[in-house]
Amino acid sequence: MQQYEIHHDPVAHRFTTIVEGLESEVDYHYDGDILVIHHTGVPRPVEGRGIASELVRAVFEFARGAGTKVRPACSYAALWVQKHKQYADLLA
């Protein structure tokens, strides 16, 4: 599995990585104390490399470390967590 250098900007509420000069991101917001993933985006030229998966994993790992529950409101994140049952305990 490819490892990507993922950056978290807690002020902008986003996780990002740059691959081949193109930025991929996961954007989130808080609904009370629940972290809500509302957008996952990967530019078409770098799709299919597991970038979105690594970004969503980073969000869930951040939430686990922060003791925060997650609501995957975007379709990609919702499908991702169904495939990665080890994060089901974090679902709000």
PDB file of N, CA and C in Angstrom:
ATOM      1  N   MET A   1       0.842  -1.189   0.000  1.00  0.00           N
ATOM      2  CA  MET A   1       0.000   0.000   0.000  1.00  0.00           C
ATOM      3  C   MET A   1       0.881   1.243   0.000  1.00  0.00           C
ATOM      4  N   GLN A   2       0.559   2.179  -0.853  1.00  0.00           N
ATOM      5  CA  GLN A   2       1.286   3.441  -0.958  1.00  0.00           C
ATOM      6  C   GLN A   2       1.044   4.282   0.292  1.00  0.00           C
ATOM      7  N   GLN A   3       2.078   4.892   0.797  1.00  0.00           N
ATOM      8  CA  GLN A   3       1.933   5.822   1.910  1.00  0.00           C
ATOM      9  C   GLN A   3       2.029   7.240   1.356  1.00  0.00           C
ATOM     10  N   TYR A   4       1.100   8.073   1.745  1.00  0.00           N
ATOM     11  CA  TYR A   4       1.084   9.452   1.299  1.00  0.00           C
ATOM     12  C   TYR A   4       1.366  10.361   2.487  1.00  0.00           C
ATOM     13  N   GLU A   5       2.018  11.481   2.219  1.00  0.00           N
ATOM     14  CA  GLU A   5       2.279  12.460   3.260  1.00  0.00           C
ATOM     15  C   GLU A   5       1.012  13.298   3.430  1.00  0.00           C
ATOM     16  N   ILE A   6       0.325  13.054   4.533  1.00  0.00           N
ATOM     17  CA  ILE A   6      -0.966  13.693   4.768  1.00  0.00           C
ATOM     18  C   ILE A   6      -0.801  14.813   5.784  1.00  0.00           C
ATOM     19  N   HIS A   7      -1.401  15.946   5.474  1.00  0.00           N
ATOM     20  CA  HIS A   7      -1.344  17.119   6.349  1.00  0.00           C
ATOM     21  C   HIS A   7      -2.738  17.417   6.877  1.00  0.00           C
ATOM     22  N   HIS A   8      -2.806  17.753   8.167  1.00  0.00           N
ATOM     23  CA  HIS A   8      -4.075  18.132   8.784  1.00  0.00           C
ATOM     24  C   HIS A   8      -4.029  19.615   9.106  1.00  0.00           C
ATOM     25  N   ASP A   9      -5.012  20.341   8.637  1.00  0.00           N
ATOM     26  CA  ASP A   9      -5.166  21.755   8.963  1.00  0.00           C
ATOM     27  C   ASP A   9      -6.416  21.872   9.830  1.00  0.00           C
ATOM     28  N   PRO A  10      -6.245  21.885  11.165  1.00  0.00           N
ATOM     29  CA  PRO A  10      -7.411  21.909  12.051  1.00  0.00           C
ATOM     30  C   PRO A  10      -8.198  23.219  11.980  1.00  0.00           C
ATOM     31  N   VAL A  11      -7.560  24.291  11.545  1.00  0.00           N
ATOM     32  CA  VAL A  11      -8.267  25.570  11.422  1.00  0.00           C
ATOM     33  C   VAL A  11      -9.219  25.535  10.222  1.00  0.00           C
ATOM     34  N   ALA A  12      -8.734  25.008   9.098  1.00  0.00           N
ATOM     35  CA  ALA A  12      -9.554  24.900   7.887  1.00  0.00           C
ATOM     36  C   ALA A  12     -10.424  23.648   7.884  1.00  0.00           C
ATOM     37  N   HIS A  13     -10.237  22.765   8.871  1.00  0.00           N
ATOM     38  CA  HIS A  13     -10.988  21.501   8.973  1.00  0.00           C
ATOM     39  C   HIS A  13     -10.815  20.651   7.722  1.00  0.00           C
ATOM     40  N   ARG A  14      -9.553  20.359   7.408  1.00  0.00           N
ATOM     41  CA  ARG A  14      -9.305  19.519   6.231  1.00  0.00           C
ATOM     42  C   ARG A  14      -8.010  18.730   6.373  1.00  0.00           C
ATOM     43  N   PHE A  15      -7.993  17.600   5.692  1.00  0.00           N
ATOM     44  CA  PHE A  15      -6.808  16.763   5.545  1.00  0.00           C
ATOM     45  C   PHE A  15      -6.455  16.804   4.072  1.00  0.00           C
ATOM     46  N   THR A  16      -5.178  16.965   3.754  1.00  0.00           N
ATOM     47  CA  THR A  16      -4.768  17.061   2.353  1.00  0.00           C
ATOM     48  C   THR A  16      -3.495  16.266   2.101  1.00  0.00           C
ATOM     49  N   THR A  17      -3.285  15.947   0.834  1.00  0.00           N
ATOM     50  CA  THR A  17      -2.021  15.390   0.372  1.00  0.00           C
ATOM     51  C   THR A  17      -1.826  15.858  -1.064  1.00  0.00           C
ATOM     52  N   ILE A  18      -0.572  15.971  -1.455  1.00  0.00           N
ATOM     53  CA  ILE A  18      -0.233  16.382  -2.823  1.00  0.00           C
ATOM     54  C   ILE A  18       0.398  15.178  -3.530  1.00  0.00           C
ATOM     55  N   VAL A  19      -0.159  14.806  -4.662  1.00  0.00           N
ATOM     56  CA  VAL A  19       0.374  13.718  -5.479  1.00  0.00           C
ATOM     57  C   VAL A  19       0.514  14.254  -6.895  1.00  0.00           C
ATOM     58  N   GLU A  20       1.725  14.182  -7.415  1.00  0.00           N
ATOM     59  CA  GLU A  20       2.025  14.680  -8.758  1.00  0.00           C
ATOM     60  C   GLU A  20       1.554  16.127  -8.932  1.00  0.00           C
ATOM     61  N   GLY A  21       1.719  16.923  -7.882  1.00  0.00           N
ATOM     62  CA  GLY A  21       1.371  18.336  -7.934  1.00  0.00           C
ATOM     63  C   GLY A  21      -0.115  18.630  -7.788  1.00  0.00           C
ATOM     64  N   LEU A  22      -0.923  17.614  -7.582  1.00  0.00           N
ATOM     65  CA  LEU A  22      -2.375  17.788  -7.454  1.00  0.00           C
ATOM     66  C   LEU A  22      -2.810  17.524  -6.011  1.00  0.00           C
ATOM     67  N   GLU A  23      -3.659  18.410  -5.495  1.00  0.00           N
ATOM     68  CA  GLU A  23      -4.112  18.278  -4.110  1.00  0.00           C
ATOM     69  C   GLU A  23      -5.388  17.451  -4.018  1.00  0.00           C
ATOM     70  N   SER A  24      -5.359  16.477  -3.119  1.00  0.00           N
ATOM     71  CA  SER A  24      -6.547  15.696  -2.765  1.00  0.00           C
ATOM     72  C   SER A  24      -6.911  16.097  -1.345  1.00  0.00           C
ATOM     73  N   GLU A  25      -8.218  16.013  -1.008  1.00  0.00           N
ATOM     74  CA  GLU A  25      -8.609  16.485   0.308  1.00  0.00           C
ATOM     75  C   GLU A  25      -9.801  15.737   0.872  1.00  0.00           C
ATOM     76  N   VAL A  26      -9.891  15.821   2.208  1.00  0.00           N
ATOM     77  CA  VAL A  26     -11.097  15.460   2.934  1.00  0.00           C
ATOM     78  C   VAL A  26     -11.433  16.680   3.775  1.00  0.00           C
ATOM     79  N   ASP A  27     -12.650  17.174   3.605  1.00  0.00           N
ATOM     80  CA  ASP A  27     -13.117  18.319   4.381  1.00  0.00           C
ATOM     81  C   ASP A  27     -14.116  17.828   5.420  1.00  0.00           C
ATOM     82  N   TYR A  28     -14.092  18.460   6.576  1.00  0.00           N
ATOM     83  CA  TYR A  28     -15.001  18.070   7.646  1.00  0.00           C
ATOM     84  C   TYR A  28     -15.442  19.307   8.415  1.00  0.00           C
ATOM     85  N   HIS A  29     -16.457  19.122   9.236  1.00  0.00           N
ATOM     86  CA  HIS A  29     -16.886  20.164  10.169  1.00  0.00           C
ATOM     87  C   HIS A  29     -17.339  19.455  11.437  1.00  0.00           C
ATOM     88  N   TYR A  30     -17.590  20.219  12.440  1.00  0.00           N
ATOM     89  CA  TYR A  30     -18.096  19.640  13.681  1.00  0.00           C
ATOM     90  C   TYR A  30     -19.568  19.958  13.841  1.00  0.00           C
ATOM     91  N   ASP A  31     -20.319  18.954  14.260  1.00  0.00           N
ATOM     92  CA  ASP A  31     -21.720  19.110  14.635  1.00  0.00           C
ATOM     93  C   ASP A  31     -21.736  18.791  16.125  1.00  0.00           C
ATOM     94  N   GLY A  32     -21.636  19.817  16.942  1.00  0.00           N
ATOM     95  CA  GLY A  32     -21.432  19.606  18.371  1.00  0.00           C
ATOM     96  C   GLY A  32     -20.052  19.017  18.561  1.00  0.00           C
ATOM     97  N   ASP A  33     -19.988  17.844  19.160  1.00  0.00           N
ATOM     98  CA  ASP A  33     -18.688  17.196  19.358  1.00  0.00           C
ATOM     99  C   ASP A  33     -18.459  16.039  18.381  1.00  0.00           C
ATOM    100  N   ILE A  34     -19.261  15.969  17.327  1.00  0.00           N
ATOM    101  CA  ILE A  34     -19.128  14.920  16.304  1.00  0.00           C
ATOM    102  C   ILE A  34     -18.427  15.491  15.084  1.00  0.00           C
ATOM    103  N   LEU A  35     -17.382  14.799  14.634  1.00  0.00           N
ATOM    104  CA  LEU A  35     -16.673  15.193  13.423  1.00  0.00           C
ATOM    105  C   LEU A  35     -17.455  14.643  12.235  1.00  0.00           C
ATOM    106  N   VAL A  36     -17.878  15.521  11.333  1.00  0.00           N
ATOM    107  CA  VAL A  36     -18.671  15.132  10.169  1.00  0.00           C
ATOM    108  C   VAL A  36     -17.825  15.292   8.909  1.00  0.00           C
ATOM    109  N   ILE A  37     -17.554  14.168   8.234  1.00  0.00           N
ATOM    110  CA  ILE A  37     -16.833  14.214   6.958  1.00  0.00           C
ATOM    111  C   ILE A  37     -17.855  14.563   5.889  1.00  0.00           C
ATOM    112  N   HIS A  38     -17.689  15.720   5.233  1.00  0.00           N
ATOM    113  CA  HIS A  38     -18.691  16.121   4.256  1.00  0.00           C
ATOM    114  C   HIS A  38     -18.174  16.161   2.821  1.00  0.00           C
ATOM    115  N   HIS A  39     -16.879  15.939   2.615  1.00  0.00           N
ATOM    116  CA  HIS A  39     -16.379  15.931   1.234  1.00  0.00           C
ATOM    117  C   HIS A  39     -15.045  15.193   1.166  1.00  0.00           C
ATOM    118  N   THR A  40     -14.922  14.340   0.174  1.00  0.00           N
ATOM    119  CA  THR A  40     -13.654  13.686  -0.149  1.00  0.00           C
ATOM    120  C   THR A  40     -13.424  13.938  -1.636  1.00  0.00           C
ATOM    121  N   GLY A  41     -12.253  14.467  -1.969  1.00  0.00           N
ATOM    122  CA  GLY A  41     -11.989  14.772  -3.367  1.00  0.00           C
ATOM    123  C   GLY A  41     -10.589  14.393  -3.802  1.00  0.00           C
ATOM    124  N   VAL A  42     -10.514  13.702  -4.939  1.00  0.00           N
ATOM    125  CA  VAL A  42      -9.240  13.319  -5.541  1.00  0.00           C
ATOM    126  C   VAL A  42      -9.323  13.696  -7.022  1.00  0.00           C
ATOM    127  N   PRO A  43      -8.376  14.488  -7.518  1.00  0.00           N
ATOM    128  CA  PRO A  43      -8.409  14.856  -8.943  1.00  0.00           C
ATOM    129  C   PRO A  43      -8.332  13.621  -9.851  1.00  0.00           C
ATOM    130  N   ARG A  44      -9.056  13.672 -10.934  1.00  0.00           N
ATOM    131  CA  ARG A  44      -9.145  12.533 -11.856  1.00  0.00           C
ATOM    132  C   ARG A  44      -7.794  11.945 -12.281  1.00  0.00           C
ATOM    133  N   PRO A  45      -6.779  12.763 -12.582  1.00  0.00           N
ATOM    134  CA  PRO A  45      -5.505  12.183 -13.035  1.00  0.00           C
ATOM    135  C   PRO A  45      -4.814  11.275 -12.003  1.00  0.00           C
ATOM    136  N   VAL A  46      -5.165  11.390 -10.729  1.00  0.00           N
ATOM    137  CA  VAL A  46      -4.509  10.554  -9.714  1.00  0.00           C
ATOM    138  C   VAL A  46      -5.502   9.640  -8.991  1.00  0.00           C
ATOM    139  N   GLU A  47      -6.694   9.477  -9.541  1.00  0.00           N
ATOM    140  CA  GLU A  47      -7.686   8.563  -8.959  1.00  0.00           C
ATOM    141  C   GLU A  47      -7.198   7.115  -9.031  1.00  0.00           C
ATOM    142  N   GLY A  48      -7.768   6.287  -8.173  1.00  0.00           N
ATOM    143  CA  GLY A  48      -7.508   4.854  -8.232  1.00  0.00           C
ATOM    144  C   GLY A  48      -6.210   4.413  -7.593  1.00  0.00           C
ATOM    145  N   ARG A  49      -5.592   5.267  -6.798  1.00  0.00           N
ATOM    146  CA  ARG A  49      -4.316   4.938  -6.150  1.00  0.00           C
ATOM    147  C   ARG A  49      -4.438   4.779  -4.647  1.00  0.00           C
ATOM    148  N   GLY A  50      -5.652   4.793  -4.134  1.00  0.00           N
ATOM    149  CA  GLY A  50      -5.837   4.648  -2.695  1.00  0.00           C
ATOM    150  C   GLY A  50      -5.650   5.937  -1.916  1.00  0.00           C
ATOM    151  N   ILE A  51      -5.622   7.059  -2.616  1.00  0.00           N
ATOM    152  CA  ILE A  51      -5.386   8.340  -1.948  1.00  0.00           C
ATOM    153  C   ILE A  51      -6.557   8.691  -1.036  1.00  0.00           C
ATOM    154  N   ALA A  52      -7.772   8.585  -1.541  1.00  0.00           N
ATOM    155  CA  ALA A  52      -8.951   8.908  -0.731  1.00  0.00           C
ATOM    156  C   ALA A  52      -9.016   8.009   0.494  1.00  0.00           C
ATOM    157  N   SER A  53      -8.684   6.741   0.320  1.00  0.00           N
ATOM    158  CA  SER A  53      -8.697   5.803   1.434  1.00  0.00           C
ATOM    159  C   SER A  53      -7.724   6.226   2.533  1.00  0.00           C
ATOM    160  N   GLU A  54      -6.535   6.613   2.142  1.00  0.00           N
ATOM    161  CA  GLU A  54      -5.540   7.044   3.133  1.00  0.00           C
ATOM    162  C   GLU A  54      -5.968   8.337   3.829  1.00  0.00           C
ATOM    163  N   LEU A  55      -6.586   9.241   3.098  1.00  0.00           N
ATOM    164  CA  LEU A  55      -7.068  10.479   3.706  1.00  0.00           C
ATOM    165  C   LEU A  55      -8.174  10.200   4.728  1.00  0.00           C
ATOM    166  N   VAL A  56      -9.128   9.354   4.351  1.00  0.00           N
ATOM    167  CA  VAL A  56     -10.220   9.027   5.277  1.00  0.00           C
ATOM    168  C   VAL A  56      -9.675   8.277   6.490  1.00  0.00           C
ATOM    169  N   ARG A  57      -8.724   7.377   6.273  1.00  0.00           N
ATOM    170  CA  ARG A  57      -8.098   6.665   7.399  1.00  0.00           C
ATOM    171  C   ARG A  57      -7.451   7.676   8.361  1.00  0.00           C
ATOM    172  N   ALA A  58      -6.787   8.690   7.810  1.00  0.00           N
ATOM    173  CA  ALA A  58      -6.143   9.711   8.646  1.00  0.00           C
ATOM    174  C   ALA A  58      -7.170  10.449   9.498  1.00  0.00           C
ATOM    175  N   VAL A  59      -8.336  10.723   8.926  1.00  0.00           N
ATOM    176  CA  VAL A  59      -9.397  11.390   9.691  1.00  0.00           C
ATOM    177  C   VAL A  59      -9.853  10.499  10.841  1.00  0.00           C
ATOM    178  N   PHE A  60     -10.095   9.222  10.547  1.00  0.00           N
ATOM    179  CA  PHE A  60     -10.549   8.301  11.591  1.00  0.00           C
ATOM    180  C   PHE A  60      -9.481   8.118  12.671  1.00  0.00           C
ATOM    181  N   GLU A  61      -8.221   8.059  12.281  1.00  0.00           N
ATOM    182  CA  GLU A  61      -7.144   7.937  13.269  1.00  0.00           C
ATOM    183  C   GLU A  61      -7.060   9.198  14.137  1.00  0.00           C
ATOM    184  N   PHE A  62      -7.232  10.359  13.519  1.00  0.00           N
ATOM    185  CA  PHE A  62      -7.257  11.609  14.267  1.00  0.00           C
ATOM    186  C   PHE A  62      -8.410  11.590  15.276  1.00  0.00           C
ATOM    187  N   ALA A  63      -9.586  11.175  14.811  1.00  0.00           N
ATOM    188  CA  ALA A  63     -10.762  11.125  15.685  1.00  0.00           C
ATOM    189  C   ALA A  63     -10.541  10.152  16.838  1.00  0.00           C
ATOM    190  N   ARG A  64      -9.940   9.005  16.550  1.00  0.00           N
ATOM    191  CA  ARG A  64      -9.664   8.027  17.614  1.00  0.00           C
ATOM    192  C   ARG A  64      -8.753   8.649  18.668  1.00  0.00           C
ATOM    193  N   GLY A  65      -7.704   9.312  18.222  1.00  0.00           N
ATOM    194  CA  GLY A  65      -6.770   9.936  19.150  1.00  0.00           C
ATOM    195  C   GLY A  65      -7.397  11.058  19.955  1.00  0.00           C
ATOM    196  N   ALA A  66      -8.377  11.741  19.363  1.00  0.00           N
ATOM    197  CA  ALA A  66      -9.036  12.864  20.026  1.00  0.00           C
ATOM    198  C   ALA A  66     -10.246  12.423  20.857  1.00  0.00           C
ATOM    199  N   GLY A  67     -10.605  11.139  20.762  1.00  0.00           N
ATOM    200  CA  GLY A  67     -11.777  10.654  21.482  1.00  0.00           C
ATOM    201  C   GLY A  67     -13.078  11.195  20.902  1.00  0.00           C
ATOM    202  N   THR A  68     -13.088  11.402  19.583  1.00  0.00           N
ATOM    203  CA  THR A  68     -14.225  12.008  18.898  1.00  0.00           C
ATOM    204  C   THR A  68     -14.945  10.972  18.038  1.00  0.00           C
ATOM    205  N   LYS A  69     -16.251  11.044  17.998  1.00  0.00           N
ATOM    206  CA  LYS A  69     -17.046  10.199  17.101  1.00  0.00           C
ATOM    207  C   LYS A  69     -17.087  10.835  15.721  1.00  0.00           C
ATOM    208  N   VAL A  70     -17.346  10.008  14.701  1.00  0.00           N
ATOM    209  CA  VAL A  70     -17.336  10.461  13.309  1.00  0.00           C
ATOM    210  C   VAL A  70     -18.662  10.124  12.645  1.00  0.00           C
ATOM    211  N   ARG A  71     -19.156  11.075  11.849  1.00  0.00           N
ATOM    212  CA  ARG A  71     -20.320  10.827  10.991  1.00  0.00           C
ATOM    213  C   ARG A  71     -19.855  11.002   9.549  1.00  0.00           C
ATOM    214  N   PRO A  72     -19.756   9.913   8.782  1.00  0.00           N
ATOM    215  CA  PRO A  72     -19.340  10.023   7.380  1.00  0.00           C
ATOM    216  C   PRO A  72     -20.519  10.457   6.505  1.00  0.00           C
ATOM    217  N   ALA A  73     -20.653  11.760   6.270  1.00  0.00           N
ATOM    218  CA  ALA A  73     -21.779  12.288   5.501  1.00  0.00           C
ATOM    219  C   ALA A  73     -21.528  12.243   3.992  1.00  0.00           C
ATOM    220  N   CYS A  74     -20.284  12.065   3.577  1.00  0.00           N
ATOM    221  CA  CYS A  74     -20.033  11.931   2.138  1.00  0.00           C
ATOM    222  C   CYS A  74     -20.080  10.445   1.779  1.00  0.00           C
ATOM    223  N   SER A  75     -20.507  10.157   0.570  1.00  0.00           N
ATOM    224  CA  SER A  75     -20.730   8.765   0.161  1.00  0.00           C
ATOM    225  C   SER A  75     -19.449   7.941   0.208  1.00  0.00           C
ATOM    226  N   TYR A  76     -18.318   8.526  -0.182  1.00  0.00           N
ATOM    227  CA  TYR A  76     -17.077   7.765  -0.179  1.00  0.00           C
ATOM    228  C   TYR A  76     -16.711   7.334   1.236  1.00  0.00           C
ATOM    229  N   ALA A  77     -16.740   8.269   2.180  1.00  0.00           N
ATOM    230  CA  ALA A  77     -16.369   7.949   3.566  1.00  0.00           C
ATOM    231  C   ALA A  77     -17.333   6.928   4.169  1.00  0.00           C
ATOM    232  N   ALA A  78     -18.605   7.017   3.829  1.00  0.00           N
ATOM    233  CA  ALA A  78     -19.597   6.067   4.342  1.00  0.00           C
ATOM    234  C   ALA A  78     -19.300   4.649   3.838  1.00  0.00           C
ATOM    235  N   LEU A  79     -18.968   4.520   2.556  1.00  0.00           N
ATOM    236  CA  LEU A  79     -18.609   3.202   2.013  1.00  0.00           C
ATOM    237  C   LEU A  79     -17.288   2.716   2.601  1.00  0.00           C
ATOM    238  N   TRP A  80     -16.342   3.636   2.775  1.00  0.00           N
ATOM    239  CA  TRP A  80     -15.025   3.271   3.295  1.00  0.00           C
ATOM    240  C   TRP A  80     -15.145   2.632   4.672  1.00  0.00           C
ATOM    241  N   VAL A  81     -15.910   3.238   5.554  1.00  0.00           N
ATOM    242  CA  VAL A  81     -15.997   2.716   6.923  1.00  0.00           C
ATOM    243  C   VAL A  81     -16.716   1.364   6.959  1.00  0.00           C
ATOM    244  N   GLN A  82     -17.597   1.107   5.992  1.00  0.00           N
ATOM    245  CA  GLN A  82     -18.228  -0.213   5.918  1.00  0.00           C
ATOM    246  C   GLN A  82     -17.201  -1.294   5.597  1.00  0.00           C
ATOM    247  N   LYS A  83     -16.174  -0.940   4.835  1.00  0.00           N
ATOM    248  CA  LYS A  83     -15.124  -1.888   4.456  1.00  0.00           C
ATOM    249  C   LYS A  83     -14.020  -1.991   5.506  1.00  0.00           C
ATOM    250  N   HIS A  84     -13.957  -1.043   6.411  1.00  0.00           N
ATOM    251  CA  HIS A  84     -12.905  -0.997   7.431  1.00  0.00           C
ATOM    252  C   HIS A  84     -13.554  -1.050   8.809  1.00  0.00           C
ATOM    253  N   LYS A  85     -14.020  -2.252   9.150  1.00  0.00           N
ATOM    254  CA  LYS A  85     -14.807  -2.469  10.366  1.00  0.00           C
ATOM    255  C   LYS A  85     -14.056  -2.101  11.653  1.00  0.00           C
ATOM    256  N   GLN A  86     -12.729  -2.015  11.574  1.00  0.00           N
ATOM    257  CA  GLN A  86     -11.954  -1.673  12.778  1.00  0.00           C
ATOM    258  C   GLN A  86     -12.208  -0.245  13.234  1.00  0.00           C
ATOM    259  N   TYR A  87     -12.914   0.543  12.419  1.00  0.00           N
ATOM    260  CA  TYR A  87     -13.247   1.919  12.793  1.00  0.00           C
ATOM    261  C   TYR A  87     -14.721   2.083  13.139  1.00  0.00           C
ATOM    262  N   ALA A  88     -15.495   0.999  13.120  1.00  0.00           N
ATOM    263  CA  ALA A  88     -16.948   1.082  13.376  1.00  0.00           C
ATOM    264  C   ALA A  88     -17.253   1.643  14.755  1.00  0.00           C
ATOM    265  N   ASP A  89     -16.383   1.429  15.717  1.00  0.00           N
ATOM    266  CA  ASP A  89     -16.616   1.932  17.067  1.00  0.00           C
ATOM    267  C   ASP A  89     -16.590   3.459  17.142  1.00  0.00           C
ATOM    268  N   LEU A  90     -16.076   4.098  16.095  1.00  0.00           N
ATOM    269  CA  LEU A  90     -15.984   5.557  16.076  1.00  0.00           C
ATOM    270  C   LEU A  90     -17.214   6.218  15.452  1.00  0.00           C
ATOM    271  N   LEU A  91     -18.127   5.420  14.902  1.00  0.00           N
ATOM    272  CA  LEU A  91     -19.284   5.999  14.223  1.00  0.00           C
ATOM    273  C   LEU A  91     -20.251   6.625  15.224  1.00  0.00           C
ATOM    274  N   ALA A  92     -20.734   7.804  14.845  1.00  0.00           N
ATOM    275  CA  ALA A  92     -21.695   8.521  15.696  1.00  0.00           C
ATOM    276  C   ALA A  92     -23.097   8.062  15.371  1.00  0.00           C
TER     277      ALA A  92
END
